[in-house]
Amino acid sequence: MFMYFLIASLLSVILAAVSFWLPLIAPDTEKLSPYECGFDPLGSARLPYSMRFFLVAILFLLFDLEIALLLPTPWALQLPDPSMAVIWASVVIILLIYGFAYEWIQGGLEWAE
């Protein structure tokens, strides 16, 4: 087990060092320019976005992940003693409701102010 951890750590360090070293060899300005269907870019490709978009995206990922945790619940209910599955599913749902209520109270779901 220690040998596996040592090899995995060494390989991770080597790959991280190579990934930082390779771009320094020959940076290509053509690859760094924006590409718009073969045409020269009409404006800046680095336009600022509202932080609300990122907030909604992160909230969606968070709540979607919590819902994905509930997917095995119907199969867990077929166990001889499904009480623990029901308890854990209830805990996940309560946490989901608590997080949603917190975001609602904090105003994170209001688009316009």
N, C-alpha and C. Protein backbone atom coordinates (compact mmCIF):
# COMPACT_ATOMS: atom_id res chain seq x y z
N MET A 1 0.82 -1.19 0.00
CA MET A 1 0.00 0.00 0.00
C MET A 1 0.87 1.26 0.00
N PHE A 2 1.95 1.22 0.80
CA PHE A 2 2.85 2.37 0.85
C PHE A 2 3.53 2.57 -0.49
N MET A 3 3.91 1.48 -1.14
CA MET A 3 4.58 1.58 -2.44
C MET A 3 3.63 2.18 -3.49
N TYR A 4 2.38 1.78 -3.45
CA TYR A 4 1.38 2.33 -4.37
C TYR A 4 1.23 3.83 -4.14
N PHE A 5 1.15 4.26 -2.88
CA PHE A 5 1.02 5.68 -2.55
C PHE A 5 2.26 6.44 -3.00
N LEU A 6 3.43 5.87 -2.82
CA LEU A 6 4.68 6.52 -3.23
C LEU A 6 4.75 6.69 -4.74
N ILE A 7 4.39 5.65 -5.48
CA ILE A 7 4.41 5.73 -6.95
C ILE A 7 3.37 6.72 -7.45
N ALA A 8 2.17 6.71 -6.88
CA ALA A 8 1.12 7.64 -7.29
C ALA A 8 1.53 9.08 -7.00
N SER A 9 2.13 9.33 -5.84
CA SER A 9 2.58 10.68 -5.50
C SER A 9 3.69 11.14 -6.43
N LEU A 10 4.65 10.27 -6.69
CA LEU A 10 5.76 10.61 -7.57
C LEU A 10 5.27 10.89 -8.99
N LEU A 11 4.37 10.07 -9.48
CA LEU A 11 3.81 10.28 -10.81
C LEU A 11 3.02 11.59 -10.88
N SER A 12 2.28 11.91 -9.83
CA SER A 12 1.53 13.17 -9.80
C SER A 12 2.46 14.37 -9.83
N VAL A 13 3.54 14.32 -9.06
CA VAL A 13 4.50 15.43 -9.04
C VAL A 13 5.18 15.58 -10.39
N ILE A 14 5.56 14.48 -11.01
CA ILE A 14 6.21 14.54 -12.32
C ILE A 14 5.26 15.11 -13.37
N LEU A 15 4.02 14.66 -13.40
CA LEU A 15 3.07 15.17 -14.38
C LEU A 15 2.75 16.65 -14.15
N ALA A 16 2.66 17.07 -12.89
CA ALA A 16 2.42 18.48 -12.61
C ALA A 16 3.60 19.34 -13.06
N ALA A 17 4.83 18.86 -12.82
CA ALA A 17 6.02 19.60 -13.25
C ALA A 17 6.09 19.69 -14.77
N VAL A 18 5.77 18.61 -15.45
CA VAL A 18 5.80 18.62 -16.92
C VAL A 18 4.72 19.56 -17.46
N SER A 19 3.55 19.60 -16.84
CA SER A 19 2.49 20.47 -17.33
C SER A 19 2.83 21.95 -17.15
N PHE A 20 3.64 22.29 -16.16
CA PHE A 20 4.09 23.68 -16.02
C PHE A 20 5.27 23.98 -16.93
N TRP A 21 6.07 22.99 -17.24
CA TRP A 21 7.28 23.20 -18.02
C TRP A 21 7.01 23.25 -19.52
N LEU A 22 6.09 22.44 -20.03
CA LEU A 22 5.84 22.38 -21.47
C LEU A 22 5.34 23.68 -22.08
N PRO A 23 4.41 24.41 -21.49
CA PRO A 23 3.97 25.66 -22.13
C PRO A 23 5.06 26.72 -22.22
N LEU A 24 6.08 26.62 -21.40
CA LEU A 24 7.16 27.60 -21.44
C LEU A 24 8.08 27.39 -22.63
N ILE A 25 8.04 26.23 -23.26
CA ILE A 25 8.95 25.92 -24.37
C ILE A 25 8.61 26.76 -25.59
N ALA A 26 7.40 26.70 -26.07
CA ALA A 26 7.02 27.43 -27.29
C ALA A 26 5.57 27.91 -27.18
N PRO A 27 5.34 29.06 -26.56
CA PRO A 27 3.97 29.56 -26.52
C PRO A 27 3.51 29.98 -27.91
N ASP A 28 2.32 29.61 -28.27
CA ASP A 28 1.78 29.90 -29.60
C ASP A 28 0.69 30.95 -29.46
N THR A 29 0.94 32.14 -30.02
CA THR A 29 -0.05 33.22 -29.91
C THR A 29 -1.30 32.92 -30.72
N GLU A 30 -1.17 32.13 -31.77
CA GLU A 30 -2.34 31.80 -32.59
C GLU A 30 -3.33 30.94 -31.81
N LYS A 31 -2.81 30.06 -30.96
CA LYS A 31 -3.69 29.23 -30.15
C LYS A 31 -4.35 30.02 -29.03
N LEU A 32 -3.75 31.13 -28.64
CA LEU A 32 -4.31 31.94 -27.57
C LEU A 32 -5.36 32.92 -28.06
N SER A 33 -5.47 33.10 -29.37
CA SER A 33 -6.45 34.04 -29.90
C SER A 33 -7.82 33.37 -30.00
N PRO A 34 -8.90 34.14 -29.85
CA PRO A 34 -10.24 33.55 -29.95
C PRO A 34 -10.56 33.15 -31.38
N TYR A 35 -11.34 32.10 -31.53
CA TYR A 35 -11.71 31.60 -32.85
C TYR A 35 -13.21 31.71 -33.01
N GLU A 36 -13.64 32.43 -34.04
CA GLU A 36 -15.06 32.61 -34.29
C GLU A 36 -15.40 32.15 -35.70
N CYS A 37 -15.56 30.87 -35.89
CA CYS A 37 -16.01 30.29 -37.16
C CYS A 37 -15.12 30.70 -38.34
N GLY A 38 -13.85 30.84 -38.13
CA GLY A 38 -12.93 31.16 -39.21
C GLY A 38 -12.77 32.64 -39.48
N PHE A 39 -13.58 33.48 -38.87
CA PHE A 39 -13.48 34.93 -39.06
C PHE A 39 -12.60 35.54 -37.98
N ASP A 40 -12.05 36.69 -38.29
CA ASP A 40 -11.33 37.43 -37.26
C ASP A 40 -12.32 37.88 -36.20
N PRO A 41 -11.93 37.87 -34.94
CA PRO A 41 -12.88 38.27 -33.89
C PRO A 41 -13.30 39.72 -34.06
N LEU A 42 -14.58 39.96 -33.85
CA LEU A 42 -15.14 41.31 -34.02
C LEU A 42 -14.91 42.18 -32.79
N GLY A 43 -14.83 41.58 -31.65
CA GLY A 43 -14.64 42.33 -30.41
C GLY A 43 -13.82 41.50 -29.43
N SER A 44 -13.79 41.94 -28.23
CA SER A 44 -13.05 41.23 -27.20
C SER A 44 -13.79 39.95 -26.82
N ALA A 45 -13.05 38.87 -26.73
CA ALA A 45 -13.65 37.60 -26.32
C ALA A 45 -13.70 37.48 -24.80
N ARG A 46 -13.11 38.41 -24.12
CA ARG A 46 -13.03 38.37 -22.66
C ARG A 46 -14.01 39.37 -22.05
N LEU A 47 -15.29 39.17 -22.30
CA LEU A 47 -16.31 40.05 -21.76
C LEU A 47 -16.67 39.61 -20.34
N PRO A 48 -16.89 40.55 -19.44
CA PRO A 48 -17.24 40.17 -18.07
C PRO A 48 -18.67 39.63 -17.99
N TYR A 49 -18.85 38.64 -17.14
CA TYR A 49 -20.17 38.08 -16.89
C TYR A 49 -20.64 38.51 -15.51
N SER A 50 -21.92 38.52 -15.34
CA SER A 50 -22.48 38.81 -14.03
C SER A 50 -22.20 37.63 -13.10
N MET A 51 -21.92 37.94 -11.86
CA MET A 51 -21.66 36.89 -10.89
C MET A 51 -22.92 36.07 -10.60
N ARG A 52 -24.08 36.60 -10.95
CA ARG A 52 -25.33 35.86 -10.75
C ARG A 52 -25.35 34.58 -11.59
N PHE A 53 -24.76 34.64 -12.80
CA PHE A 53 -24.71 33.44 -13.64
C PHE A 53 -23.91 32.34 -12.95
N PHE A 54 -22.77 32.71 -12.39
CA PHE A 54 -21.93 31.73 -11.71
C PHE A 54 -22.62 31.21 -10.45
N LEU A 55 -23.30 32.08 -9.73
CA LEU A 55 -24.00 31.66 -8.52
C LEU A 55 -25.10 30.66 -8.85
N VAL A 56 -25.88 30.95 -9.88
CA VAL A 56 -26.95 30.03 -10.28
C VAL A 56 -26.36 28.70 -10.74
N ALA A 57 -25.25 28.75 -11.49
CA ALA A 57 -24.63 27.51 -11.96
C ALA A 57 -24.11 26.67 -10.80
N ILE A 58 -23.48 27.30 -9.83
CA ILE A 58 -22.96 26.56 -8.69
C ILE A 58 -24.10 26.00 -7.85
N LEU A 59 -25.15 26.78 -7.65
CA LEU A 59 -26.30 26.27 -6.91
C LEU A 59 -26.95 25.10 -7.63
N PHE A 60 -27.04 25.19 -8.96
CA PHE A 60 -27.61 24.08 -9.72
C PHE A 60 -26.77 22.82 -9.53
N LEU A 61 -25.45 22.95 -9.63
CA LEU A 61 -24.59 21.78 -9.46
C LEU A 61 -24.71 21.20 -8.06
N LEU A 62 -24.78 22.06 -7.07
CA LEU A 62 -24.89 21.59 -5.69
C LEU A 62 -26.19 20.83 -5.46
N PHE A 63 -27.31 21.42 -5.87
CA PHE A 63 -28.60 20.77 -5.66
C PHE A 63 -28.76 19.54 -6.55
N ASP A 64 -28.17 19.57 -7.74
CA ASP A 64 -28.24 18.41 -8.62
C ASP A 64 -27.46 17.25 -8.03
N LEU A 65 -26.33 17.53 -7.41
CA LEU A 65 -25.54 16.48 -6.77
C LEU A 65 -26.30 15.88 -5.60
N GLU A 66 -26.97 16.72 -4.84
CA GLU A 66 -27.74 16.20 -3.71
C GLU A 66 -28.91 15.34 -4.18
N ILE A 67 -29.52 15.71 -5.27
CA ILE A 67 -30.60 14.88 -5.82
C ILE A 67 -30.02 13.55 -6.33
N ALA A 68 -28.83 13.60 -6.91
CA ALA A 68 -28.20 12.37 -7.39
C ALA A 68 -27.90 11.41 -6.23
N LEU A 69 -27.67 11.96 -5.05
CA LEU A 69 -27.45 11.10 -3.88
C LEU A 69 -28.72 10.35 -3.48
N LEU A 70 -29.87 10.87 -3.88
CA LEU A 70 -31.13 10.21 -3.53
C LEU A 70 -31.55 9.14 -4.53
N LEU A 71 -30.87 9.05 -5.66
CA LEU A 71 -31.28 8.09 -6.69
C LEU A 71 -31.27 6.63 -6.23
N PRO A 72 -30.30 6.18 -5.42
CA PRO A 72 -30.34 4.77 -4.98
C PRO A 72 -31.39 4.46 -3.92
N THR A 73 -32.15 5.43 -3.47
CA THR A 73 -33.11 5.21 -2.39
C THR A 73 -34.16 4.15 -2.71
N PRO A 74 -34.75 4.09 -3.92
CA PRO A 74 -35.73 3.02 -4.17
C PRO A 74 -35.14 1.61 -4.03
N TRP A 75 -33.88 1.43 -4.41
CA TRP A 75 -33.25 0.12 -4.27
C TRP A 75 -32.92 -0.16 -2.81
N ALA A 76 -32.60 0.89 -2.06
CA ALA A 76 -32.30 0.70 -0.64
C ALA A 76 -33.55 0.33 0.14
N LEU A 77 -34.71 0.74 -0.35
CA LEU A 77 -35.96 0.41 0.34
C LEU A 77 -36.30 -1.06 0.23
N GLN A 78 -35.64 -1.79 -0.67
CA GLN A 78 -35.89 -3.22 -0.81
C GLN A 78 -35.04 -4.05 0.14
N LEU A 79 -34.21 -3.41 0.94
CA LEU A 79 -33.40 -4.12 1.93
C LEU A 79 -34.30 -4.69 3.02
N PRO A 80 -33.81 -5.68 3.76
CA PRO A 80 -34.63 -6.24 4.84
C PRO A 80 -35.00 -5.21 5.91
N ASP A 81 -34.09 -4.27 6.19
CA ASP A 81 -34.37 -3.22 7.18
C ASP A 81 -34.08 -1.86 6.53
N PRO A 82 -35.07 -1.28 5.87
CA PRO A 82 -34.83 -0.04 5.13
C PRO A 82 -34.86 1.22 5.99
N SER A 83 -34.92 1.07 7.31
CA SER A 83 -35.07 2.25 8.16
C SER A 83 -33.87 3.19 8.05
N MET A 84 -32.66 2.66 7.96
CA MET A 84 -31.48 3.53 7.84
C MET A 84 -31.48 4.26 6.51
N ALA A 85 -31.92 3.60 5.45
CA ALA A 85 -31.99 4.27 4.15
C ALA A 85 -32.98 5.41 4.18
N VAL A 86 -34.10 5.20 4.84
CA VAL A 86 -35.11 6.26 4.95
C VAL A 86 -34.58 7.41 5.80
N ILE A 87 -33.87 7.09 6.87
CA ILE A 87 -33.30 8.14 7.73
C ILE A 87 -32.29 8.97 6.95
N TRP A 88 -31.37 8.30 6.24
CA TRP A 88 -30.35 9.06 5.49
C TRP A 88 -30.96 9.85 4.34
N ALA A 89 -31.97 9.30 3.68
CA ALA A 89 -32.64 10.05 2.62
C ALA A 89 -33.35 11.27 3.21
N SER A 90 -33.93 11.11 4.39
CA SER A 90 -34.58 12.25 5.05
C SER A 90 -33.56 13.31 5.44
N VAL A 91 -32.39 12.89 5.90
CA VAL A 91 -31.34 13.84 6.25
C VAL A 91 -30.90 14.63 5.02
N VAL A 92 -30.73 13.95 3.89
CA VAL A 92 -30.33 14.63 2.66
C VAL A 92 -31.41 15.62 2.22
N ILE A 93 -32.66 15.22 2.29
CA ILE A 93 -33.75 16.13 1.90
C ILE A 93 -33.83 17.33 2.84
N ILE A 94 -33.65 17.10 4.13
CA ILE A 94 -33.67 18.21 5.09
C ILE A 94 -32.52 19.17 4.81
N LEU A 95 -31.33 18.65 4.53
CA LEU A 95 -30.20 19.52 4.19
C LEU A 95 -30.46 20.29 2.90
N LEU A 96 -31.10 19.64 1.95
CA LEU A 96 -31.44 20.30 0.69
C LEU A 96 -32.42 21.44 0.93
N ILE A 97 -33.43 21.20 1.74
CA ILE A 97 -34.41 22.24 2.05
C ILE A 97 -33.76 23.37 2.85
N TYR A 98 -32.89 23.02 3.79
CA TYR A 98 -32.19 24.03 4.58
C TYR A 98 -31.31 24.91 3.69
N GLY A 99 -30.57 24.31 2.77
CA GLY A 99 -29.73 25.09 1.86
C GLY A 99 -30.54 25.98 0.95
N PHE A 100 -31.66 25.47 0.46
CA PHE A 100 -32.53 26.28 -0.40
C PHE A 100 -33.12 27.45 0.38
N ALA A 101 -33.57 27.19 1.60
CA ALA A 101 -34.14 28.27 2.42
C ALA A 101 -33.08 29.31 2.75
N TYR A 102 -31.87 28.87 3.04
CA TYR A 102 -30.78 29.81 3.35
C TYR A 102 -30.49 30.72 2.15
N GLU A 103 -30.40 30.13 0.96
CA GLU A 103 -30.14 30.94 -0.23
C GLU A 103 -31.30 31.89 -0.50
N TRP A 104 -32.51 31.46 -0.27
CA TRP A 104 -33.68 32.31 -0.48
C TRP A 104 -33.66 33.50 0.49
N ILE A 105 -33.37 33.22 1.78
CA ILE A 105 -33.34 34.28 2.79
C ILE A 105 -32.20 35.26 2.51
N GLN A 106 -31.05 34.76 2.08
CA GLN A 106 -29.90 35.62 1.80
C GLN A 106 -30.08 36.43 0.52
N GLY A 107 -31.07 36.10 -0.29
CA GLY A 107 -31.32 36.83 -1.52
C GLY A 107 -30.49 36.34 -2.69
N GLY A 108 -29.94 35.15 -2.58
CA GLY A 108 -29.12 34.62 -3.66
C GLY A 108 -29.90 34.21 -4.88
N LEU A 109 -31.21 34.05 -4.74
CA LEU A 109 -32.03 33.63 -5.86
C LEU A 109 -32.76 34.79 -6.52
N GLU A 110 -32.59 36.00 -6.00
CA GLU A 110 -33.22 37.17 -6.59
C GLU A 110 -32.33 37.69 -7.71
N TRP A 111 -32.89 37.78 -8.90
CA TRP A 111 -32.08 38.17 -10.05
C TRP A 111 -31.89 39.68 -10.10
N ALA A 112 -32.94 40.44 -9.95
CA ALA A 112 -32.86 41.90 -10.02
C ALA A 112 -33.04 42.48 -8.62
N GLU A 113 -32.33 43.55 -8.37
CA GLU A 113 -32.42 44.18 -7.05
C GLU A 113 -33.11 45.52 -7.14
